[in-house]
PDB file of all heavy atoms in Angstrom:
ATOM      1  N   GLU A   1      94.343  96.896 107.631  1.00  0.00           N
ATOM      2  CA  GLU A   1      93.553  95.974 106.839  1.00  0.00           C
ATOM      3  C   GLU A   1      92.699  95.114 107.705  1.00  0.00           C
ATOM      4  O   GLU A   1      92.956  94.849 108.867  1.00  0.00           O
ATOM      5  CB  GLU A   1      94.457  95.142 105.972  1.00  0.00           C
ATOM      6  CG  GLU A   1      95.315  94.103 106.713  1.00  0.00           C
ATOM      7  CD  GLU A   1      96.089  93.219 105.784  1.00  0.00           C
ATOM      8  OE1 GLU A   1      95.491  92.320 105.146  1.00  0.00           O
ATOM      9  OE2 GLU A   1      97.305  93.442 105.742  1.00  0.00           O
ATOM     10  N   THR A   2      91.585  94.664 107.104  1.00  0.00           N
ATOM     11  CA  THR A   2      90.682  93.666 107.689  1.00  0.00           C
ATOM     12  C   THR A   2      90.392  92.661 106.570  1.00  0.00           C
ATOM     13  O   THR A   2      90.957  92.773 105.459  1.00  0.00           O
ATOM     14  CB  THR A   2      89.333  94.275 108.147  1.00  0.00           C
ATOM     15  OG1 THR A   2      88.595  94.695 107.036  1.00  0.00           O
ATOM     16  CG2 THR A   2      89.566  95.456 109.129  1.00  0.00           C
ATOM     17  N   ASP A   3      89.514  91.723 106.806  1.00  0.00           N
ATOM     18  CA  ASP A   3      89.172  90.791 105.721  1.00  0.00           C
ATOM     19  C   ASP A   3      88.164  91.469 104.755  1.00  0.00           C
ATOM     20  O   ASP A   3      87.831  90.882 103.759  1.00  0.00           O
ATOM     21  CB  ASP A   3      88.591  89.499 106.271  1.00  0.00           C
ATOM     22  CG  ASP A   3      87.330  89.705 107.117  1.00  0.00           C
ATOM     23  OD1 ASP A   3      87.085  90.827 107.613  1.00  0.00           O
ATOM     24  OD2 ASP A   3      86.613  88.721 107.306  1.00  0.00           O
ATOM     25  N   LYS A   4      87.715  92.724 105.004  1.00  0.00           N
ATOM     26  CA  LYS A   4      86.761  93.399 104.194  1.00  0.00           C
ATOM     27  C   LYS A   4      87.323  94.711 103.566  1.00  0.00           C
ATOM     28  O   LYS A   4      86.621  95.249 102.688  1.00  0.00           O
ATOM     29  CB  LYS A   4      85.511  93.816 104.981  1.00  0.00           C
ATOM     30  CG  LYS A   4      84.807  92.603 105.570  1.00  0.00           C
ATOM     31  CD  LYS A   4      84.136  91.798 104.506  1.00  0.00           C
ATOM     32  CE  LYS A   4      83.385  90.633 105.130  1.00  0.00           C
ATOM     33  NZ  LYS A   4      83.107  89.593 104.144  1.00  0.00           N
ATOM     34  N   ALA A   5      88.514  95.131 103.963  1.00  0.00           N
ATOM     35  CA  ALA A   5      89.037  96.361 103.392  1.00  0.00           C
ATOM     36  C   ALA A   5      90.563  96.451 103.689  1.00  0.00           C
ATOM     37  O   ALA A   5      91.048  95.819 104.586  1.00  0.00           O
ATOM     38  CB  ALA A   5      88.323  97.551 103.994  1.00  0.00           C
ATOM     39  N   VAL A   6      91.196  97.245 102.824  1.00  0.00           N
ATOM     40  CA  VAL A   6      92.667  97.486 103.065  1.00  0.00           C
ATOM     41  C   VAL A   6      92.915  98.984 102.679  1.00  0.00           C
ATOM     42  O   VAL A   6      92.364  99.467 101.693  1.00  0.00           O
ATOM     43  CB  VAL A   6      93.503  96.504 102.183  1.00  0.00           C
ATOM     44  CG1 VAL A   6      93.255  96.616 100.703  1.00  0.00           C
ATOM     45  CG2 VAL A   6      94.974  96.692 102.494  1.00  0.00           C
ATOM     46  N   ILE A   7      93.753  99.604 103.482  1.00  0.00           N
ATOM     47  CA  ILE A   7      94.152 100.998 103.219  1.00  0.00           C
ATOM     48  C   ILE A   7      95.509 100.950 102.560  1.00  0.00           C
ATOM     49  O   ILE A   7      96.411 100.256 103.045  1.00  0.00           O
ATOM     50  CB  ILE A   7      94.169 101.822 104.520  1.00  0.00           C
ATOM     51  CG1 ILE A   7      92.743 101.932 105.057  1.00  0.00           C
ATOM     52  CG2 ILE A   7      94.719 103.160 104.284  1.00  0.00           C
ATOM     53  CD1 ILE A   7      92.619 102.643 106.378  1.00  0.00           C
ATOM     54  N   LEU A   8      95.740 101.763 101.556  1.00  0.00           N
ATOM     55  CA  LEU A   8      96.957 101.769 100.761  1.00  0.00           C
ATOM     56  C   LEU A   8      97.445 103.194 100.603  1.00  0.00           C
ATOM     57  O   LEU A   8      96.635 104.136 100.465  1.00  0.00           O
ATOM     58  CB  LEU A   8      96.680 101.170  99.398  1.00  0.00           C
ATOM     59  CG  LEU A   8      96.097  99.773  99.337  1.00  0.00           C
ATOM     60  CD1 LEU A   8      95.433  99.496  98.035  1.00  0.00           C
ATOM     61  CD2 LEU A   8      97.171  98.743  99.651  1.00  0.00           C
ATOM     62  N   ASN A   9      98.725 103.361 100.676  1.00  0.00           N
ATOM     63  CA  ASN A   9      99.368 104.678 100.461  1.00  0.00           C
ATOM     64  C   ASN A   9      99.890 104.676  99.012  1.00  0.00           C
ATOM     65  O   ASN A   9     100.918 103.969  98.778  1.00  0.00           O
ATOM     66  CB  ASN A   9     100.447 104.904 101.491  1.00  0.00           C
ATOM     67  CG  ASN A   9     101.224 106.199 101.247  1.00  0.00           C
ATOM     68  OD1 ASN A   9     101.214 106.774 100.215  1.00  0.00           O
ATOM     69  ND2 ASN A   9     101.920 106.625 102.269  1.00  0.00           N
ATOM     70  N   LEU A  10      99.297 105.391  98.156  1.00  0.00           N
ATOM     71  CA  LEU A  10      99.753 105.520  96.748  1.00  0.00           C
ATOM     72  C   LEU A  10     100.325 106.884  96.586  1.00  0.00           C
ATOM     73  O   LEU A  10      99.671 107.880  96.524  1.00  0.00           O
ATOM     74  CB  LEU A  10      98.580 105.333  95.793  1.00  0.00           C
ATOM     75  CG  LEU A  10      98.902 105.485  94.279  1.00  0.00           C
ATOM     76  CD1 LEU A  10      99.833 104.369  93.834  1.00  0.00           C
ATOM     77  CD2 LEU A  10      97.645 105.455  93.472  1.00  0.00           C
ATOM     78  N   TYR A  11     101.672 106.995  96.669  1.00  0.00           N
ATOM     79  CA  TYR A  11     102.367 108.225  96.504  1.00  0.00           C
ATOM     80  C   TYR A  11     101.865 109.324  97.437  1.00  0.00           C
ATOM     81  O   TYR A  11     101.683 110.436  97.050  1.00  0.00           O
ATOM     82  CB  TYR A  11     102.379 108.710  95.079  1.00  0.00           C
ATOM     83  CG  TYR A  11     103.117 107.737  94.175  1.00  0.00           C
ATOM     84  CD1 TYR A  11     102.390 106.844  93.406  1.00  0.00           C
ATOM     85  CD2 TYR A  11     104.482 107.693  94.128  1.00  0.00           C
ATOM     86  CE1 TYR A  11     103.080 105.881  92.617  1.00  0.00           C
ATOM     87  CE2 TYR A  11     105.197 106.787  93.320  1.00  0.00           C
ATOM     88  CZ  TYR A  11     104.451 105.893  92.580  1.00  0.00           C
ATOM     89  OH  TYR A  11     105.122 104.979  91.781  1.00  0.00           O
ATOM     90  N   GLY A  12     101.574 108.918  98.721  1.00  0.00           N
ATOM     91  CA  GLY A  12     101.188 109.907  99.720  1.00  0.00           C
ATOM     92  C   GLY A  12      99.617 110.160  99.712  1.00  0.00           C
ATOM     93  O   GLY A  12      99.181 110.971 100.481  1.00  0.00           O
ATOM     94  N   HIS A  13      98.863 109.396  98.951  1.00  0.00           N
ATOM     95  CA  HIS A  13      97.419 109.570  98.939  1.00  0.00           C
ATOM     96  C   HIS A  13      96.776 108.270  99.443  1.00  0.00           C
ATOM     97  O   HIS A  13      97.315 107.177  99.239  1.00  0.00           O
ATOM     98  CB  HIS A  13      96.949 109.943  97.504  1.00  0.00           C
ATOM     99  CG  HIS A  13      97.602 111.190  97.061  1.00  0.00           C
ATOM    100  ND1 HIS A  13      97.226 112.445  97.575  1.00  0.00           N
ATOM    101  CD2 HIS A  13      98.649 111.424  96.276  1.00  0.00           C
ATOM    102  CE1 HIS A  13      97.940 113.383  97.000  1.00  0.00           C
ATOM    103  NE2 HIS A  13      98.853 112.790  96.208  1.00  0.00           N
ATOM    104  N   GLN A  14      95.577 108.432 100.049  1.00  0.00           N
ATOM    105  CA  GLN A  14      94.966 107.304 100.710  1.00  0.00           C
ATOM    106  C   GLN A  14      93.936 106.610  99.757  1.00  0.00           C
ATOM    107  O   GLN A  14      92.947 107.224  99.332  1.00  0.00           O
ATOM    108  CB  GLN A  14      94.208 107.752 101.950  1.00  0.00           C
ATOM    109  CG  GLN A  14      93.590 106.577 102.743  1.00  0.00           C
ATOM    110  CD  GLN A  14      92.666 107.033 103.842  1.00  0.00           C
ATOM    111  OE1 GLN A  14      91.753 107.774 103.612  1.00  0.00           O
ATOM    112  NE2 GLN A  14      92.977 106.591 105.092  1.00  0.00           N
ATOM    113  N   LEU A  15      94.219 105.339  99.441  1.00  0.00           N
ATOM    114  CA  LEU A  15      93.264 104.517  98.744  1.00  0.00           C
ATOM    115  C   LEU A  15      92.690 103.527  99.728  1.00  0.00           C
ATOM    116  O   LEU A  15      93.435 102.963 100.543  1.00  0.00           O
ATOM    117  CB  LEU A  15      93.939 103.746  97.638  1.00  0.00           C
ATOM    118  CG  LEU A  15      94.686 104.484  96.540  1.00  0.00           C
ATOM    119  CD1 LEU A  15      95.271 103.504  95.512  1.00  0.00           C
ATOM    120  CD2 LEU A  15      93.812 105.490  95.882  1.00  0.00           C
ATOM    121  N   VAL A  16      91.381 103.322  99.644  1.00  0.00           N
ATOM    122  CA  VAL A  16      90.792 102.316 100.509  1.00  0.00           C
ATOM    123  C   VAL A  16      90.001 101.366  99.592  1.00  0.00           C
ATOM    124  O   VAL A  16      89.068 101.715  98.931  1.00  0.00           O
ATOM    125  CB  VAL A  16      89.832 102.909 101.559  1.00  0.00           C
ATOM    126  CG1 VAL A  16      89.253 101.801 102.465  1.00  0.00           C
ATOM    127  CG2 VAL A  16      90.539 103.957 102.373  1.00  0.00           C
ATOM    128  N   ALA A  17      90.483 100.100  99.551  1.00  0.00           N
ATOM    129  CA  ALA A  17      89.885  99.083  98.741  1.00  0.00           C
ATOM    130  C   ALA A  17      88.893  98.274  99.585  1.00  0.00           C
ATOM    131  O   ALA A  17      89.314  97.706 100.599  1.00  0.00           O
ATOM    132  CB  ALA A  17      90.968  98.177  98.152  1.00  0.00           C
ATOM    133  N   HIS A  18      87.621  98.318  99.187  1.00  0.00           N
ATOM    134  CA  HIS A  18      86.549  97.648  99.959  1.00  0.00           C
ATOM    135  C   HIS A  18      86.072  96.394  99.220  1.00  0.00           C
ATOM    136  O   HIS A  18      85.743  96.467  98.052  1.00  0.00           O
ATOM    137  CB  HIS A  18      85.380  98.614 100.175  1.00  0.00           C
ATOM    138  CG  HIS A  18      85.654  99.735 101.042  1.00  0.00           C
ATOM    139  ND1 HIS A  18      85.572  99.651 102.394  1.00  0.00           N
ATOM    140  CD2 HIS A  18      86.048 100.992 100.750  1.00  0.00           C
ATOM    141  CE1 HIS A  18      85.932 100.826 102.943  1.00  0.00           C
ATOM    142  NE2 HIS A  18      86.212 101.692 101.970  1.00  0.00           N
ATOM    143  N   VAL A  19      86.041  95.280  99.964  1.00  0.00           N
ATOM    144  CA  VAL A  19      85.526  94.011  99.358  1.00  0.00           C
ATOM    145  C   VAL A  19      84.009  94.142  99.211  1.00  0.00           C
ATOM    146  O   VAL A  19      83.259  94.607 100.081  1.00  0.00           O
ATOM    147  CB  VAL A  19      85.850  92.842 100.306  1.00  0.00           C
ATOM    148  CG1 VAL A  19      85.150  91.556  99.766  1.00  0.00           C
ATOM    149  CG2 VAL A  19      87.337  92.638 100.421  1.00  0.00           C
ATOM    150  N   THR A  20      83.594  93.736  98.000  1.00  0.00           N
ATOM    151  CA  THR A  20      82.153  93.711  97.709  1.00  0.00           C
ATOM    152  C   THR A  20      81.861  92.398  96.964  1.00  0.00           C
ATOM    153  O   THR A  20      82.676  91.930  96.218  1.00  0.00           O
ATOM    154  CB  THR A  20      81.665  94.894  96.915  1.00  0.00           C
ATOM    155  OG1 THR A  20      80.249  94.829  96.684  1.00  0.00           O
ATOM    156  CG2 THR A  20      82.384  95.009  95.572  1.00  0.00           C
ATOM    157  N   SER A  21      80.671  91.867  97.221  1.00  0.00           N
ATOM    158  CA  SER A  21      80.270  90.673  96.504  1.00  0.00           C
ATOM    159  C   SER A  21      79.355  91.094  95.309  1.00  0.00           C
ATOM    160  O   SER A  21      78.986  90.269  94.539  1.00  0.00           O
ATOM    161  CB  SER A  21      79.511  89.722  97.411  1.00  0.00           C
ATOM    162  OG  SER A  21      78.412  90.320  97.984  1.00  0.00           O
ATOM    163  N   GLU A  22      79.049  92.400  95.216  1.00  0.00           N
ATOM    164  CA  GLU A  22      78.272  92.894  94.135  1.00  0.00           C
ATOM    165  C   GLU A  22      79.055  92.736  92.823  1.00  0.00           C
ATOM    166  O   GLU A  22      80.218  93.178  92.794  1.00  0.00           O
ATOM    167  CB  GLU A  22      77.926  94.362  94.353  1.00  0.00           C
ATOM    168  CG  GLU A  22      77.140  94.682  95.604  1.00  0.00           C
ATOM    169  CD  GLU A  22      75.673  94.435  95.407  1.00  0.00           C
ATOM    170  OE1 GLU A  22      75.166  94.711  94.286  1.00  0.00           O
ATOM    171  OE2 GLU A  22      75.032  93.989  96.374  1.00  0.00           O
ATOM    172  N   PRO A  23      78.452  92.260  91.784  1.00  0.00           N
ATOM    173  CA  PRO A  23      79.192  92.215  90.498  1.00  0.00           C
ATOM    174  C   PRO A  23      79.444  93.667  90.025  1.00  0.00           C
ATOM    175  O   PRO A  23      78.536  94.509  90.072  1.00  0.00           O
ATOM    176  CB  PRO A  23      78.296  91.454  89.542  1.00  0.00           C
ATOM    177  CG  PRO A  23      76.972  91.392  90.266  1.00  0.00           C
ATOM    178  CD  PRO A  23      77.165  91.721  91.668  1.00  0.00           C
ATOM    179  N   GLN A  24      80.690  93.914  89.569  1.00  0.00           N
ATOM    180  CA  GLN A  24      81.026  95.207  89.063  1.00  0.00           C
ATOM    181  C   GLN A  24      80.847  95.263  87.573  1.00  0.00           C
ATOM    182  O   GLN A  24      81.200  94.277  86.886  1.00  0.00           O
ATOM    183  CB  GLN A  24      82.497  95.588  89.412  1.00  0.00           C
ATOM    184  CG  GLN A  24      82.763  95.619  90.938  1.00  0.00           C
ATOM    185  CD  GLN A  24      81.899  96.622  91.588  1.00  0.00           C
ATOM    186  OE1 GLN A  24      81.830  97.819  91.260  1.00  0.00           O
ATOM    187  NE2 GLN A  24      81.079  96.152  92.599  1.00  0.00           N
ATOM    188  N   PRO A  25      80.323  96.342  87.026  1.00  0.00           N
ATOM    189  CA  PRO A  25      80.164  96.420  85.590  1.00  0.00           C
ATOM    190  C   PRO A  25      81.542  96.416  84.934  1.00  0.00           C
ATOM    191  O   PRO A  25      82.509  96.986  85.419  1.00  0.00           O
ATOM    192  CB  PRO A  25      79.471  97.784  85.376  1.00  0.00           C
ATOM    193  CG  PRO A  25      79.736  98.561  86.604  1.00  0.00           C
ATOM    194  CD  PRO A  25      79.931  97.557  87.725  1.00  0.00           C
ATOM    195  N   VAL A  26      81.594  95.753  83.787  1.00  0.00           N
ATOM    196  CA  VAL A  26      82.893  95.711  83.043  1.00  0.00           C
ATOM    197  C   VAL A  26      82.897  96.954  82.161  1.00  0.00           C
ATOM    198  O   VAL A  26      81.991  97.225  81.390  1.00  0.00           O
ATOM    199  CB  VAL A  26      82.928  94.432  82.119  1.00  0.00           C
ATOM    200  CG1 VAL A  26      84.149  94.477  81.247  1.00  0.00           C
ATOM    201  CG2 VAL A  26      82.872  93.192  83.014  1.00  0.00           C
ATOM    202  N   GLN A  27      83.957  97.757  82.390  1.00  0.00           N
ATOM    203  CA  GLN A  27      84.113  98.980  81.654  1.00  0.00           C
ATOM    204  C   GLN A  27      84.823  98.674  80.333  1.00  0.00           C
ATOM    205  O   GLN A  27      85.853  98.015  80.314  1.00  0.00           O
ATOM    206  CB  GLN A  27      84.909  99.981  82.476  1.00  0.00           C
ATOM    207  CG  GLN A  27      85.036 101.296  81.826  1.00  0.00           C
ATOM    208  CD  GLN A  27      85.590 102.346  82.804  1.00  0.00           C
ATOM    209  OE1 GLN A  27      85.092 102.512  83.896  1.00  0.00           O
ATOM    210  NE2 GLN A  27      86.655 103.024  82.369  1.00  0.00           N
TER     211      GLN A  27
END
């Protein structure tokens, strides 16, 4: 992890969560 991203193991699969300041559309 850094202050801009974190790597996660979800049941043996790689998720990478990236920090963004861009507003995300609400689904």
